[in-house]
Each structure stands twice: as structure tokens, then as C-alpha cells.
């Protein structure tokens, strides 16, 4: 949504920490640090 449709998003994580959730996506083409608003080409995914 953020990368292809310019629709920022929010993840509310109850089961794992925000850092862990983002780290677990690092193996995907769209994942890892690129997910967060702090860096990478995809801006607009924020984790609570």
C-alpha cells in the first residue's frame, strides 16, 4: 500500500515487539528497514 499506492499504513503489534516484527520481514523484497518511515525507499509504514 505504501510502496505502490501511496497509502501510508500503521501496524499495531500485540504479540511481538515492533523491532522484531520489522526484522522478521527482512527476507522479503519489500521488508526490513525499507518498511519503516525512518529509512529506505518505502516511506509510510509506521509501527506501534
ModelCIF file with pLDDT and N, C-alpha, C, O atoms, coordinates in Angstrom:
data_MODEL
#
_entry.id   MODEL 
#
_entity.id                         1 
_entity.type                       polymer 
_entity.pdbx_number_of_molecules   1 
#
_entity_poly.entity_id                      1 
_entity_poly.type                           'polypeptide(L)' 
_entity_poly.nstd_linkage                   no 
_entity_poly.nstd_monomer                   no 
_entity_poly.pdbx_seq_one_letter_code       
;(UNK)(UNK)(UNK)(UNK)(UNK)(UNK)(UNK)(UNK)(UNK)(UNK)(UNK)(UNK)(UNK)(UNK)(UNK)(UNK)
(UNK)(UNK)(UNK)(UNK)(UNK)(UNK)(UNK)(UNK)(UNK)(UNK)(UNK)(UNK)(UNK)(UNK)(UNK)(UNK)
(UNK)(UNK)(UNK)(UNK)(UNK)(UNK)(UNK)(UNK)(UNK)(UNK)(UNK)(UNK)(UNK)(UNK)(UNK)(UNK)
;
_entity_poly.pdbx_seq_one_letter_code_can   XXXXXXXXXXXXXXXXXXXXXXXXXXXXXXXXXXXXXXXXXXXXXXXX 
_entity_poly.pdbx_strand_id                 A 
#
loop_
_entity_poly_seq.entity_id 
_entity_poly_seq.num 
_entity_poly_seq.mon_id 
_entity_poly_seq.hetero 
1 1  UNK n 
1 2  UNK n 
1 3  UNK n 
1 4  UNK n 
1 5  UNK n 
1 6  UNK n 
1 7  UNK n 
1 8  UNK n 
1 9  UNK n 
1 10 UNK n 
1 11 UNK n 
1 12 UNK n 
1 13 UNK n 
1 14 UNK n 
1 15 UNK n 
1 16 UNK n 
1 17 UNK n 
1 18 UNK n 
1 19 UNK n 
1 20 UNK n 
1 21 UNK n 
1 22 UNK n 
1 23 UNK n 
1 24 UNK n 
1 25 UNK n 
1 26 UNK n 
1 27 UNK n 
1 28 UNK n 
1 29 UNK n 
1 30 UNK n 
1 31 UNK n 
1 32 UNK n 
1 33 UNK n 
1 34 UNK n 
1 35 UNK n 
1 36 UNK n 
1 37 UNK n 
1 38 UNK n 
1 39 UNK n 
1 40 UNK n 
1 41 UNK n 
1 42 UNK n 
1 43 UNK n 
1 44 UNK n 
1 45 UNK n 
1 46 UNK n 
1 47 UNK n 
1 48 UNK n 
#
_struct_asym.id          A 
_struct_asym.entity_id   1 
#
loop_
_ma_qa_metric.id 
_ma_qa_metric.mode 
_ma_qa_metric.name 
_ma_qa_metric.software_group_id 
_ma_qa_metric.type 
1 global pLDDT . pLDDT 
2 local  pLDDT . pLDDT 
#
_ma_qa_metric_global.metric_id      1 
_ma_qa_metric_global.metric_value   81.65 
_ma_qa_metric_global.model_id       1 
_ma_qa_metric_global.ordinal_id     1 
#
loop_
_ma_qa_metric_local.label_asym_id 
_ma_qa_metric_local.label_comp_id 
_ma_qa_metric_local.label_seq_id 
_ma_qa_metric_local.metric_id 
_ma_qa_metric_local.metric_value 
_ma_qa_metric_local.model_id 
_ma_qa_metric_local.ordinal_id 
A UNK 1  2 93.00 1 1  
A UNK 2  2 91.00 1 2  
A UNK 3  2 89.00 1 3  
A UNK 4  2 91.00 1 4  
A UNK 5  2 92.00 1 5  
A UNK 6  2 90.00 1 6  
A UNK 7  2 93.00 1 7  
A UNK 8  2 92.00 1 8  
A UNK 9  2 94.00 1 9  
A UNK 10 2 94.00 1 10 
A UNK 11 2 93.00 1 11 
A UNK 12 2 94.00 1 12 
A UNK 13 2 92.00 1 13 
A UNK 14 2 90.00 1 14 
A UNK 15 2 87.00 1 15 
A UNK 16 2 86.00 1 16 
A UNK 17 2 85.00 1 17 
A UNK 18 2 80.00 1 18 
A UNK 19 2 82.00 1 19 
A UNK 20 2 87.00 1 20 
A UNK 21 2 86.00 1 21 
A UNK 22 2 84.00 1 22 
A UNK 23 2 88.00 1 23 
A UNK 24 2 90.00 1 24 
A UNK 25 2 91.00 1 25 
A UNK 26 2 90.00 1 26 
A UNK 27 2 91.00 1 27 
A UNK 28 2 93.00 1 28 
A UNK 29 2 91.00 1 29 
A UNK 30 2 92.00 1 30 
A UNK 31 2 89.00 1 31 
A UNK 32 2 85.00 1 32 
A UNK 33 2 76.00 1 33 
A UNK 34 2 71.00 1 34 
A UNK 35 2 76.00 1 35 
A UNK 36 2 67.00 1 36 
A UNK 37 2 50.00 1 37 
A UNK 38 2 47.00 1 38 
A UNK 39 2 40.00 1 39 
A UNK 40 2 40.00 1 40 
A UNK 41 2 45.00 1 41 
A UNK 42 2 46.00 1 42 
A UNK 43 2 58.00 1 43 
A UNK 44 2 80.00 1 44 
A UNK 45 2 88.00 1 45 
A UNK 46 2 90.00 1 46 
A UNK 47 2 89.00 1 47 
A UNK 48 2 91.00 1 48 
#
loop_
_atom_site.group_PDB 
_atom_site.id 
_atom_site.type_symbol 
_atom_site.label_atom_id 
_atom_site.label_alt_id 
_atom_site.label_comp_id 
_atom_site.label_asym_id 
_atom_site.label_entity_id 
_atom_site.label_seq_id 
_atom_site.pdbx_PDB_ins_code 
_atom_site.Cartn_x 
_atom_site.Cartn_y 
_atom_site.Cartn_z 
_atom_site.occupancy 
_atom_site.B_iso_or_equiv 
_atom_site.pdbx_formal_charge 
_atom_site.auth_seq_id 
_atom_site.auth_comp_id 
_atom_site.auth_asym_id 
_atom_site.auth_atom_id 
_atom_site.pdbx_PDB_model_num 
ATOM 1   N N  . UNK A 1 1  ? 0.818  -1.208  0.000  1.00 93.00 ? 1  UNK A N  1 
ATOM 2   C CA . UNK A 1 1  ? 0.000  0.000   0.000  1.00 93.00 ? 1  UNK A CA 1 
ATOM 3   C C  . UNK A 1 1  ? 0.847  1.252   0.000  1.00 93.00 ? 1  UNK A C  1 
ATOM 4   O O  . UNK A 1 1  ? 0.571  2.202   -0.733 1.00 93.00 ? 1  UNK A O  1 
ATOM 5   N N  . UNK A 1 2  ? 1.895  1.251   0.836  1.00 91.00 ? 2  UNK A N  1 
ATOM 6   C CA . UNK A 1 2  ? 2.775  2.418   0.912  1.00 91.00 ? 2  UNK A CA 1 
ATOM 7   C C  . UNK A 1 2  ? 3.646  2.554   -0.321 1.00 91.00 ? 2  UNK A C  1 
ATOM 8   O O  . UNK A 1 2  ? 3.848  3.656   -0.831 1.00 91.00 ? 2  UNK A O  1 
ATOM 9   N N  . UNK A 1 3  ? 4.167  1.416   -0.805 1.00 89.00 ? 3  UNK A N  1 
ATOM 10  C CA . UNK A 1 3  ? 5.126  1.467   -1.899 1.00 89.00 ? 3  UNK A CA 1 
ATOM 11  C C  . UNK A 1 3  ? 4.523  1.607   -3.277 1.00 89.00 ? 3  UNK A C  1 
ATOM 12  O O  . UNK A 1 3  ? 5.136  2.205   -4.162 1.00 89.00 ? 3  UNK A O  1 
ATOM 13  N N  . UNK A 1 4  ? 3.309  1.058   -3.481 1.00 91.00 ? 4  UNK A N  1 
ATOM 14  C CA . UNK A 1 4  ? 2.732  1.035   -4.820 1.00 91.00 ? 4  UNK A CA 1 
ATOM 15  C C  . UNK A 1 4  ? 1.491  1.911   -4.980 1.00 91.00 ? 4  UNK A C  1 
ATOM 16  O O  . UNK A 1 4  ? 1.111  2.261   -6.097 1.00 91.00 ? 4  UNK A O  1 
ATOM 17  N N  . UNK A 1 5  ? 0.862  2.264   -3.853 1.00 92.00 ? 5  UNK A N  1 
ATOM 18  C CA . UNK A 1 5  ? -0.397 3.019   -3.955 1.00 92.00 ? 5  UNK A CA 1 
ATOM 19  C C  . UNK A 1 5  ? -0.369 4.325   -3.158 1.00 92.00 ? 5  UNK A C  1 
ATOM 20  O O  . UNK A 1 5  ? -1.386 5.008   -3.039 1.00 92.00 ? 5  UNK A O  1 
ATOM 21  N N  . UNK A 1 6  ? 0.804  4.668   -2.615 1.00 90.00 ? 6  UNK A N  1 
ATOM 22  C CA . UNK A 1 6  ? 0.953  5.909   -1.855 1.00 90.00 ? 6  UNK A CA 1 
ATOM 23  C C  . UNK A 1 6  ? -0.075 5.980   -0.734 1.00 90.00 ? 6  UNK A C  1 
ATOM 24  O O  . UNK A 1 6  ? -0.681 7.027   -0.509 1.00 90.00 ? 6  UNK A O  1 
ATOM 25  N N  . UNK A 1 7  ? -0.272 4.865   -0.030 1.00 93.00 ? 7  UNK A N  1 
ATOM 26  C CA . UNK A 1 7  ? -1.206 4.805   1.088  1.00 93.00 ? 7  UNK A CA 1 
ATOM 27  C C  . UNK A 1 7  ? -0.439 4.435   2.357  1.00 93.00 ? 7  UNK A C  1 
ATOM 28  O O  . UNK A 1 7  ? -0.191 3.253   2.597  1.00 93.00 ? 7  UNK A O  1 
ATOM 29  N N  . UNK A 1 8  ? -0.056 5.424   3.177  1.00 92.00 ? 8  UNK A N  1 
ATOM 30  C CA . UNK A 1 8  ? 0.655  5.120   4.424  1.00 92.00 ? 8  UNK A CA 1 
ATOM 31  C C  . UNK A 1 8  ? -0.137 4.157   5.290  1.00 92.00 ? 8  UNK A C  1 
ATOM 32  O O  . UNK A 1 8  ? -1.366 4.130   5.232  1.00 92.00 ? 8  UNK A O  1 
ATOM 33  N N  . UNK A 1 9  ? 0.563  3.369   6.091  1.00 94.00 ? 9  UNK A N  1 
ATOM 34  C CA . UNK A 1 9  ? -0.093 2.378   6.925  1.00 94.00 ? 9  UNK A CA 1 
ATOM 35  C C  . UNK A 1 9  ? 0.486  2.327   8.322  1.00 94.00 ? 9  UNK A C  1 
ATOM 36  O O  . UNK A 1 9  ? 1.577  2.834   8.582  1.00 94.00 ? 9  UNK A O  1 
ATOM 37  N N  . UNK A 1 10 ? -0.263 1.708   9.213  1.00 94.00 ? 10 UNK A N  1 
ATOM 38  C CA . UNK A 1 10 ? 0.153  1.559   10.607 1.00 94.00 ? 10 UNK A CA 1 
ATOM 39  C C  . UNK A 1 10 ? 0.017  0.097   11.005 1.00 94.00 ? 10 UNK A C  1 
ATOM 40  O O  . UNK A 1 10 ? -1.004 -0.534  10.729 1.00 94.00 ? 10 UNK A O  1 
ATOM 41  N N  . UNK A 1 11 ? 1.044  -0.440  11.653 1.00 93.00 ? 11 UNK A N  1 
ATOM 42  C CA . UNK A 1 11 ? 0.976  -1.775  12.238 1.00 93.00 ? 11 UNK A CA 1 
ATOM 43  C C  . UNK A 1 11 ? 0.901  -1.625  13.744 1.00 93.00 ? 11 UNK A C  1 
ATOM 44  O O  . UNK A 1 11 ? 1.752  -0.969  14.343 1.00 93.00 ? 11 UNK A O  1 
ATOM 45  N N  . UNK A 1 12 ? -0.103 -2.223  14.365 1.00 94.00 ? 12 UNK A N  1 
ATOM 46  C CA . UNK A 1 12 ? -0.213 -2.284  15.818 1.00 94.00 ? 12 UNK A CA 1 
ATOM 47  C C  . UNK A 1 12 ? 0.120  -3.718  16.208 1.00 94.00 ? 12 UNK A C  1 
ATOM 48  O O  . UNK A 1 12 ? -0.659 -4.633  15.941 1.00 94.00 ? 12 UNK A O  1 
ATOM 49  N N  . UNK A 1 13 ? 1.280  -3.917  16.840 1.00 92.00 ? 13 UNK A N  1 
ATOM 50  C CA . UNK A 1 13 ? 1.790  -5.258  17.118 1.00 92.00 ? 13 UNK A CA 1 
ATOM 51  C C  . UNK A 1 13 ? 1.542  -5.628  18.570 1.00 92.00 ? 13 UNK A C  1 
ATOM 52  O O  . UNK A 1 13 ? 2.039  -4.963  19.478 1.00 92.00 ? 13 UNK A O  1 
ATOM 53  N N  . UNK A 1 14 ? 0.770  -6.694  18.794 1.00 90.00 ? 14 UNK A N  1 
ATOM 54  C CA . UNK A 1 14 ? 0.442  -7.142  20.143 1.00 90.00 ? 14 UNK A CA 1 
ATOM 55  C C  . UNK A 1 14 ? 1.290  -8.322  20.601 1.00 90.00 ? 14 UNK A C  1 
ATOM 56  O O  . UNK A 1 14 ? 1.527  -8.495  21.797 1.00 90.00 ? 14 UNK A O  1 
ATOM 57  N N  . UNK A 1 15 ? 1.742  -9.129  19.654 1.00 87.00 ? 15 UNK A N  1 
ATOM 58  C CA . UNK A 1 15 ? 2.393  -10.389 20.021 1.00 87.00 ? 15 UNK A CA 1 
ATOM 59  C C  . UNK A 1 15 ? 3.910  -10.285 20.046 1.00 87.00 ? 15 UNK A C  1 
ATOM 60  O O  . UNK A 1 15 ? 4.558  -10.947 20.857 1.00 87.00 ? 15 UNK A O  1 
ATOM 61  N N  . UNK A 1 16 ? 4.492  -9.463  19.172 1.00 86.00 ? 16 UNK A N  1 
ATOM 62  C CA . UNK A 1 16 ? 5.934  -9.284  19.112 1.00 86.00 ? 16 UNK A CA 1 
ATOM 63  C C  . UNK A 1 16 ? 6.270  -7.807  19.181 1.00 86.00 ? 16 UNK A C  1 
ATOM 64  O O  . UNK A 1 16 ? 5.421  -6.960  18.904 1.00 86.00 ? 16 UNK A O  1 
ATOM 65  N N  . UNK A 1 17 ? 7.495  -7.495  19.547 1.00 85.00 ? 17 UNK A N  1 
ATOM 66  C CA . UNK A 1 17 ? 7.909  -6.099  19.585 1.00 85.00 ? 17 UNK A CA 1 
ATOM 67  C C  . UNK A 1 17 ? 7.987  -5.544  18.170 1.00 85.00 ? 17 UNK A C  1 
ATOM 68  O O  . UNK A 1 17 ? 8.148  -6.291  17.204 1.00 85.00 ? 17 UNK A O  1 
ATOM 69  N N  . UNK A 1 18 ? 7.869  -4.217  18.059 1.00 80.00 ? 18 UNK A N  1 
ATOM 70  C CA . UNK A 1 18 ? 7.921  -3.575  16.753 1.00 80.00 ? 18 UNK A CA 1 
ATOM 71  C C  . UNK A 1 18 ? 9.235  -3.872  16.040 1.00 80.00 ? 18 UNK A C  1 
ATOM 72  O O  . UNK A 1 18 ? 9.247  -4.142  14.839 1.00 80.00 ? 18 UNK A O  1 
ATOM 73  N N  . UNK A 1 19 ? 10.337 -3.823  16.778 1.00 82.00 ? 19 UNK A N  1 
ATOM 74  C CA . UNK A 1 19 ? 11.652 -4.081  16.183 1.00 82.00 ? 19 UNK A CA 1 
ATOM 75  C C  . UNK A 1 19 ? 11.709 -5.501  15.623 1.00 82.00 ? 19 UNK A C  1 
ATOM 76  O O  . UNK A 1 19 ? 12.242 -5.732  14.538 1.00 82.00 ? 19 UNK A O  1 
ATOM 77  N N  . UNK A 1 20 ? 11.148 -6.451  16.383 1.00 87.00 ? 20 UNK A N  1 
ATOM 78  C CA . UNK A 1 20 ? 11.176 -7.850  15.958 1.00 87.00 ? 20 UNK A CA 1 
ATOM 79  C C  . UNK A 1 20 ? 10.318 -8.068  14.718 1.00 87.00 ? 20 UNK A C  1 
ATOM 80  O O  . UNK A 1 20 ? 10.718 -8.787  13.802 1.00 87.00 ? 20 UNK A O  1 
ATOM 81  N N  . UNK A 1 21 ? 9.147  -7.452  14.686 1.00 86.00 ? 21 UNK A N  1 
ATOM 82  C CA . UNK A 1 21 ? 8.256  -7.608  13.538 1.00 86.00 ? 21 UNK A CA 1 
ATOM 83  C C  . UNK A 1 21 ? 8.934  -7.136  12.261 1.00 86.00 ? 21 UNK A C  1 
ATOM 84  O O  . UNK A 1 21 ? 8.889  -7.814  11.235 1.00 86.00 ? 21 UNK A O  1 
ATOM 85  N N  . UNK A 1 22 ? 9.569  -5.954  12.333 1.00 84.00 ? 22 UNK A N  1 
ATOM 86  C CA . UNK A 1 22 ? 10.252 -5.410  11.153 1.00 84.00 ? 22 UNK A CA 1 
ATOM 87  C C  . UNK A 1 22 ? 11.430 -6.291  10.759 1.00 84.00 ? 22 UNK A C  1 
ATOM 88  O O  . UNK A 1 22 ? 11.650 -6.543  9.575  1.00 84.00 ? 22 UNK A O  1 
ATOM 89  N N  . UNK A 1 23 ? 12.189 -6.761  11.749 1.00 88.00 ? 23 UNK A N  1 
ATOM 90  C CA . UNK A 1 23 ? 13.349 -7.617  11.454 1.00 88.00 ? 23 UNK A CA 1 
ATOM 91  C C  . UNK A 1 23 ? 12.922 -8.911  10.777 1.00 88.00 ? 23 UNK A C  1 
ATOM 92  O O  . UNK A 1 23 ? 13.635 -9.421  9.913  1.00 88.00 ? 23 UNK A O  1 
ATOM 93  N N  . UNK A 1 24 ? 11.771 -9.447  11.159 1.00 90.00 ? 24 UNK A N  1 
ATOM 94  C CA . UNK A 1 24 ? 11.302 -10.705 10.576 1.00 90.00 ? 24 UNK A CA 1 
ATOM 95  C C  . UNK A 1 24 ? 10.909 -10.579 9.114  1.00 90.00 ? 24 UNK A C  1 
ATOM 96  O O  . UNK A 1 24 ? 10.789 -11.590 8.423  1.00 90.00 ? 24 UNK A O  1 
ATOM 97  N N  . UNK A 1 25 ? 10.707 -9.358  8.627  1.00 91.00 ? 25 UNK A N  1 
ATOM 98  C CA . UNK A 1 25 ? 10.335 -9.159  7.227  1.00 91.00 ? 25 UNK A CA 1 
ATOM 99  C C  . UNK A 1 25 ? 11.541 -8.887  6.334  1.00 91.00 ? 25 UNK A C  1 
ATOM 100 O O  . UNK A 1 25 ? 11.389 -8.641  5.138  1.00 91.00 ? 25 UNK A O  1 
ATOM 101 N N  . UNK A 1 26 ? 12.740 -8.932  6.915  1.00 90.00 ? 26 UNK A N  1 
ATOM 102 C CA . UNK A 1 26 ? 13.938 -8.557  6.154  1.00 90.00 ? 26 UNK A CA 1 
ATOM 103 C C  . UNK A 1 26 ? 14.192 -9.469  4.955  1.00 90.00 ? 26 UNK A C  1 
ATOM 104 O O  . UNK A 1 26 ? 14.840 -9.063  3.991  1.00 90.00 ? 26 UNK A O  1 
ATOM 105 N N  . UNK A 1 27 ? 13.685 -10.694 5.014  1.00 91.00 ? 27 UNK A N  1 
ATOM 106 C CA . UNK A 1 27 ? 13.917 -11.625 3.914  1.00 91.00 ? 27 UNK A CA 1 
ATOM 107 C C  . UNK A 1 27 ? 13.026 -11.396 2.709  1.00 91.00 ? 27 UNK A C  1 
ATOM 108 O O  . UNK A 1 27 ? 13.195 -12.056 1.684  1.00 91.00 ? 27 UNK A O  1 
ATOM 109 N N  . UNK A 1 28 ? 12.080 -10.475 2.812  1.00 93.00 ? 28 UNK A N  1 
ATOM 110 C CA . UNK A 1 28 ? 11.189 -10.194 1.692  1.00 93.00 ? 28 UNK A CA 1 
ATOM 111 C C  . UNK A 1 28 ? 11.677 -8.986  0.894  1.00 93.00 ? 28 UNK A C  1 
ATOM 112 O O  . UNK A 1 28 ? 12.352 -8.106  1.428  1.00 93.00 ? 28 UNK A O  1 
ATOM 113 N N  . UNK A 1 29 ? 11.329 -8.958  -0.379 1.00 91.00 ? 29 UNK A N  1 
ATOM 114 C CA . UNK A 1 29 ? 11.763 -7.866  -1.253 1.00 91.00 ? 29 UNK A CA 1 
ATOM 115 C C  . UNK A 1 29 ? 11.282 -6.515  -0.740 1.00 91.00 ? 29 UNK A C  1 
ATOM 116 O O  . UNK A 1 29 ? 11.939 -5.498  -0.962 1.00 91.00 ? 29 UNK A O  1 
ATOM 117 N N  . UNK A 1 30 ? 10.151 -6.498  -0.061 1.00 92.00 ? 30 UNK A N  1 
ATOM 118 C CA . UNK A 1 30 ? 9.535  -5.251  0.398  1.00 92.00 ? 30 UNK A CA 1 
ATOM 119 C C  . UNK A 1 30 ? 9.771  -4.988  1.881  1.00 92.00 ? 30 UNK A C  1 
ATOM 120 O O  . UNK A 1 30 ? 9.257  -4.005  2.416  1.00 92.00 ? 30 UNK A O  1 
ATOM 121 N N  . UNK A 1 31 ? 10.543 -5.849  2.564  1.00 89.00 ? 31 UNK A N  1 
ATOM 122 C CA . UNK A 1 31 ? 10.618 -5.801  4.017  1.00 89.00 ? 31 UNK A CA 1 
ATOM 123 C C  . UNK A 1 31 ? 11.859 -5.165  4.599  1.00 89.00 ? 31 UNK A C  1 
ATOM 124 O O  . UNK A 1 31 ? 12.596 -4.454  3.916  1.00 89.00 ? 31 UNK A O  1 
ATOM 125 N N  . UNK A 1 32 ? 12.076 -5.435  5.879  1.00 85.00 ? 32 UNK A N  1 
ATOM 126 C CA . UNK A 1 32 ? 13.223 -4.910  6.597  1.00 85.00 ? 32 UNK A CA 1 
ATOM 127 C C  . UNK A 1 32 ? 13.109 -3.423  6.875  1.00 85.00 ? 32 UNK A C  1 
ATOM 128 O O  . UNK A 1 32 ? 12.013 -2.892  7.056  1.00 85.00 ? 32 UNK A O  1 
ATOM 129 N N  . UNK A 1 33 ? 14.238 -2.767  6.906  1.00 76.00 ? 33 UNK A N  1 
ATOM 130 C CA . UNK A 1 33 ? 14.275 -1.346  7.225  1.00 76.00 ? 33 UNK A CA 1 
ATOM 131 C C  . UNK A 1 33 ? 13.516 -0.496  6.210  1.00 76.00 ? 33 UNK A C  1 
ATOM 132 O O  . UNK A 1 33 ? 13.092 0.618   6.518  1.00 76.00 ? 33 UNK A O  1 
ATOM 133 N N  . UNK A 1 34 ? 13.346 -1.029  4.989  1.00 71.00 ? 34 UNK A N  1 
ATOM 134 C CA . UNK A 1 34 ? 12.610 -0.276  3.965  1.00 71.00 ? 34 UNK A CA 1 
ATOM 135 C C  . UNK A 1 34 ? 11.154 -0.070  4.355  1.00 71.00 ? 34 UNK A C  1 
ATOM 136 O O  . UNK A 1 34 ? 10.475 0.796   3.802  1.00 71.00 ? 34 UNK A O  1 
ATOM 137 N N  . UNK A 1 35 ? 10.670 -0.868  5.313  1.00 76.00 ? 35 UNK A N  1 
ATOM 138 C CA . UNK A 1 35 ? 9.272  -0.743  5.720  1.00 76.00 ? 35 UNK A CA 1 
ATOM 139 C C  . UNK A 1 35 ? 9.004  0.513   6.540  1.00 76.00 ? 35 UNK A C  1 
ATOM 140 O O  . UNK A 1 35 ? 7.940  1.121   6.428  1.00 76.00 ? 35 UNK A O  1 
ATOM 141 N N  . UNK A 1 36 ? 9.962  0.891   7.354  1.00 67.00 ? 36 UNK A N  1 
ATOM 142 C CA . UNK A 1 36 ? 9.715  1.930   8.339  1.00 67.00 ? 36 UNK A CA 1 
ATOM 143 C C  . UNK A 1 36 ? 9.845  3.310   7.741  1.00 67.00 ? 36 UNK A C  1 
ATOM 144 O O  . UNK A 1 36 ? 10.424 3.488   6.669  1.00 67.00 ? 36 UNK A O  1 
ATOM 145 N N  . UNK A 1 37 ? 9.302  4.278   8.441  1.00 50.00 ? 37 UNK A N  1 
ATOM 146 C CA . UNK A 1 37 ? 9.351  5.666   7.962  1.00 50.00 ? 37 UNK A CA 1 
ATOM 147 C C  . UNK A 1 37 ? 10.726 6.273   8.155  1.00 50.00 ? 37 UNK A C  1 
ATOM 148 O O  . UNK A 1 37 ? 10.985 7.376   7.674  1.00 50.00 ? 37 UNK A O  1 
ATOM 149 N N  . UNK A 1 38 ? 11.615 5.572   8.851  1.00 47.00 ? 38 UNK A N  1 
ATOM 150 C CA . UNK A 1 38 ? 12.913 6.165   9.163  1.00 47.00 ? 38 UNK A CA 1 
ATOM 151 C C  . UNK A 1 38 ? 13.942 5.977   8.054  1.00 47.00 ? 38 UNK A C  1 
ATOM 152 O O  . UNK A 1 38 ? 14.973 6.650   8.060  1.00 47.00 ? 38 UNK A O  1 
ATOM 153 N N  . UNK A 1 39 ? 13.696 5.097   7.119  1.00 40.00 ? 39 UNK A N  1 
ATOM 154 C CA . UNK A 1 39 ? 14.691 4.899   6.077  1.00 40.00 ? 39 UNK A CA 1 
ATOM 155 C C  . UNK A 1 39 ? 14.196 3.993   4.977  1.00 40.00 ? 39 UNK A C  1 
ATOM 156 O O  . UNK A 1 39 ? 13.163 3.339   5.124  1.00 40.00 ? 39 UNK A O  1 
ATOM 157 N N  . UNK A 1 40 ? 14.931 3.947   3.857  1.00 40.00 ? 40 UNK A N  1 
ATOM 158 C CA . UNK A 1 40 ? 14.571 3.084   2.754  1.00 40.00 ? 40 UNK A CA 1 
ATOM 159 C C  . UNK A 1 40 ? 13.655 3.759   1.762  1.00 40.00 ? 40 UNK A C  1 
ATOM 160 O O  . UNK A 1 40 ? 13.133 4.844   2.022  1.00 40.00 ? 40 UNK A O  1 
ATOM 161 N N  . UNK A 1 41 ? 13.455 3.107   0.607  1.00 45.00 ? 41 UNK A N  1 
ATOM 162 C CA . UNK A 1 41 ? 12.648 3.696   -0.461 1.00 45.00 ? 41 UNK A CA 1 
ATOM 163 C C  . UNK A 1 41 ? 11.154 3.701   -0.164 1.00 45.00 ? 41 UNK A C  1 
ATOM 164 O O  . UNK A 1 41 ? 10.418 4.505   -0.737 1.00 45.00 ? 41 UNK A O  1 
ATOM 165 N N  . UNK A 1 42 ? 10.695 2.824   0.714  1.00 46.00 ? 42 UNK A N  1 
ATOM 166 C CA . UNK A 1 42 ? 9.271  2.775   1.032  1.00 46.00 ? 42 UNK A CA 1 
ATOM 167 C C  . UNK A 1 42 ? 9.041  3.561   2.314  1.00 46.00 ? 42 UNK A C  1 
ATOM 168 O O  . UNK A 1 42 ? 9.474  3.144   3.388  1.00 46.00 ? 42 UNK A O  1 
ATOM 169 N N  . UNK A 1 43 ? 8.368  4.687   2.204  1.00 58.00 ? 43 UNK A N  1 
ATOM 170 C CA . UNK A 1 43 ? 8.074  5.500   3.376  1.00 58.00 ? 43 UNK A CA 1 
ATOM 171 C C  . UNK A 1 43 ? 6.571  5.483   3.608  1.00 58.00 ? 43 UNK A C  1 
ATOM 172 O O  . UNK A 1 43 ? 5.788  5.594   2.665  1.00 58.00 ? 43 UNK A O  1 
ATOM 173 N N  . UNK A 1 44 ? 6.179  5.345   4.847  1.00 80.00 ? 44 UNK A N  1 
ATOM 174 C CA . UNK A 1 44 ? 4.762  5.378   5.130  1.00 80.00 ? 44 UNK A CA 1 
ATOM 175 C C  . UNK A 1 44 ? 4.219  4.191   5.883  1.00 80.00 ? 44 UNK A C  1 
ATOM 176 O O  . UNK A 1 44 ? 3.003  4.098   6.057  1.00 80.00 ? 44 UNK A O  1 
ATOM 177 N N  . UNK A 1 45 ? 5.072  3.256   6.351  1.00 88.00 ? 45 UNK A N  1 
ATOM 178 C CA . UNK A 1 45 ? 4.621  2.174   7.224  1.00 88.00 ? 45 UNK A CA 1 
ATOM 179 C C  . UNK A 1 45 ? 5.153  2.462   8.618  1.00 88.00 ? 45 UNK A C  1 
ATOM 180 O O  . UNK A 1 45 ? 6.365  2.522   8.826  1.00 88.00 ? 45 UNK A O  1 
ATOM 181 N N  . UNK A 1 46 ? 4.255  2.638   9.563  1.00 90.00 ? 46 UNK A N  1 
ATOM 182 C CA . UNK A 1 46 ? 4.634  3.009   10.926 1.00 90.00 ? 46 UNK A CA 1 
ATOM 183 C C  . UNK A 1 46 ? 4.180  1.918   11.879 1.00 90.00 ? 46 UNK A C  1 
ATOM 184 O O  . UNK A 1 46 ? 3.094  1.360   11.717 1.00 90.00 ? 46 UNK A O  1 
ATOM 185 N N  . UNK A 1 47 ? 5.001  1.611   12.868 1.00 89.00 ? 47 UNK A N  1 
ATOM 186 C CA . UNK A 1 47 ? 4.732  0.512   13.775 1.00 89.00 ? 47 UNK A CA 1 
ATOM 187 C C  . UNK A 1 47 ? 4.499  1.042   15.183 1.00 89.00 ? 47 UNK A C  1 
ATOM 188 O O  . UNK A 1 47 ? 5.310  1.804   15.708 1.00 89.00 ? 47 UNK A O  1 
ATOM 189 N N  . UNK A 1 48 ? 3.382  0.634   15.793 1.00 91.00 ? 48 UNK A N  1 
ATOM 190 C CA . UNK A 1 48 ? 3.078  0.956   17.181 1.00 91.00 ? 48 UNK A CA 1 
ATOM 191 C C  . UNK A 1 48 ? 3.262  -0.313  18.001 1.00 91.00 ? 48 UNK A C  1 
ATOM 192 O O  . UNK A 1 48 ? 3.062  -0.297  19.216 1.00 91.00 ? 48 UNK A O  1 
#
